[in-house]
Amino acid sequence: MNIDRAVMGFAGLMVLLSAVLAWLVSPSWLLLTAFVGLNLTQASITGFCPAAAIFGRLGLKAGCAFDSTR
């Protein structure tokens, strides 16, 4: 697994989790979905993704999207 796949999987998991929590607990959990969406948008513009940095420190290899050599 590389950083790209880990970030996409983590973002997808967070969106699904917030949808389930919004359904079962409170619609306020949709704020988590908004946060994930804003973070993905910010990462696409700036090239910096906090989750990618964390996964990199955990030892995952860079994929083409978060390759620091570009």
Protein backbone atom coordinates (compact mmCIF):
# COMPACT_ATOMS: atom_id res chain seq x y z
CA MET A 1 0.00 0.00 0.00
CA ASN A 2 1.23 3.50 -0.78
CA ILE A 3 0.36 6.91 0.66
CA ASP A 4 -2.11 7.71 -2.13
CA ARG A 5 -4.22 4.64 -1.46
CA ALA A 6 -4.03 5.14 2.30
CA VAL A 7 -5.23 8.76 2.02
CA MET A 8 -8.10 7.84 -0.29
CA GLY A 9 -9.10 4.94 1.94
CA PHE A 10 -8.94 7.07 5.08
CA ALA A 11 -10.97 9.88 3.50
CA GLY A 12 -13.59 7.41 2.26
CA LEU A 13 -13.80 5.75 5.65
CA MET A 14 -14.28 9.13 7.38
CA VAL A 15 -17.08 10.11 4.97
CA LEU A 16 -18.86 6.78 5.46
CA LEU A 17 -18.41 6.96 9.23
CA SER A 18 -19.84 10.48 9.38
CA ALA A 19 -22.83 9.43 7.24
CA VAL A 20 -23.59 6.52 9.58
CA LEU A 21 -23.17 8.70 12.67
CA ALA A 22 -25.40 11.39 11.12
CA TRP A 23 -28.07 8.77 10.49
CA LEU A 24 -27.84 7.10 13.90
CA VAL A 25 -26.75 9.86 16.29
CA SER A 26 -27.05 13.44 15.05
CA PRO A 27 -27.02 15.34 11.75
CA SER A 28 -24.19 17.42 13.24
CA TRP A 29 -21.82 14.60 12.25
CA LEU A 30 -22.17 15.85 8.66
CA LEU A 31 -19.69 18.54 9.69
CA LEU A 32 -17.05 15.80 9.59
CA THR A 33 -17.99 15.15 5.95
CA ALA A 34 -17.62 18.86 5.22
CA PHE A 35 -14.22 18.92 6.94
CA VAL A 36 -12.99 15.95 4.89
CA GLY A 37 -14.22 17.57 1.69
CA LEU A 38 -12.54 20.88 2.53
CA ASN A 39 -9.31 19.07 3.38
CA LEU A 40 -9.35 17.18 0.08
CA THR A 41 -9.99 20.43 -1.82
CA GLN A 42 -7.17 22.19 0.05
CA ALA A 43 -4.80 19.30 -0.66
CA SER A 44 -5.62 19.39 -4.36
CA ILE A 45 -4.82 23.12 -4.53
CA THR A 46 -1.75 23.33 -2.29
CA GLY A 47 -0.30 19.82 -2.65
CA PHE A 48 -0.05 19.50 1.15
CA CYS A 49 -2.12 16.82 2.88
CA PRO A 50 -1.80 16.32 6.64
CA ALA A 51 -2.91 12.70 6.35
CA ALA A 52 -0.26 12.04 3.68
CA ALA A 53 2.39 13.52 5.96
CA ILE A 54 1.28 11.24 8.81
CA PHE A 55 1.20 8.15 6.61
CA GLY A 56 4.65 9.05 5.30
CA ARG A 57 6.01 9.22 8.84
CA LEU A 58 4.46 5.82 9.49
CA GLY A 59 6.66 4.42 6.74
CA LEU A 60 4.37 4.14 3.72
CA LYS A 61 6.00 4.75 0.37
CA ALA A 62 4.95 7.75 -1.71
CA GLY A 63 2.66 7.25 -4.67
CA CYS A 64 2.57 9.58 -7.64
CA ALA A 65 0.13 12.09 -6.08
CA PHE A 66 2.16 12.83 -2.95
CA ASP A 67 5.65 12.36 -4.35
CA SER A 68 7.87 15.01 -2.81
CA THR A 69 10.33 14.93 -5.72
CA ARG A 70 7.99 16.87 -8.02
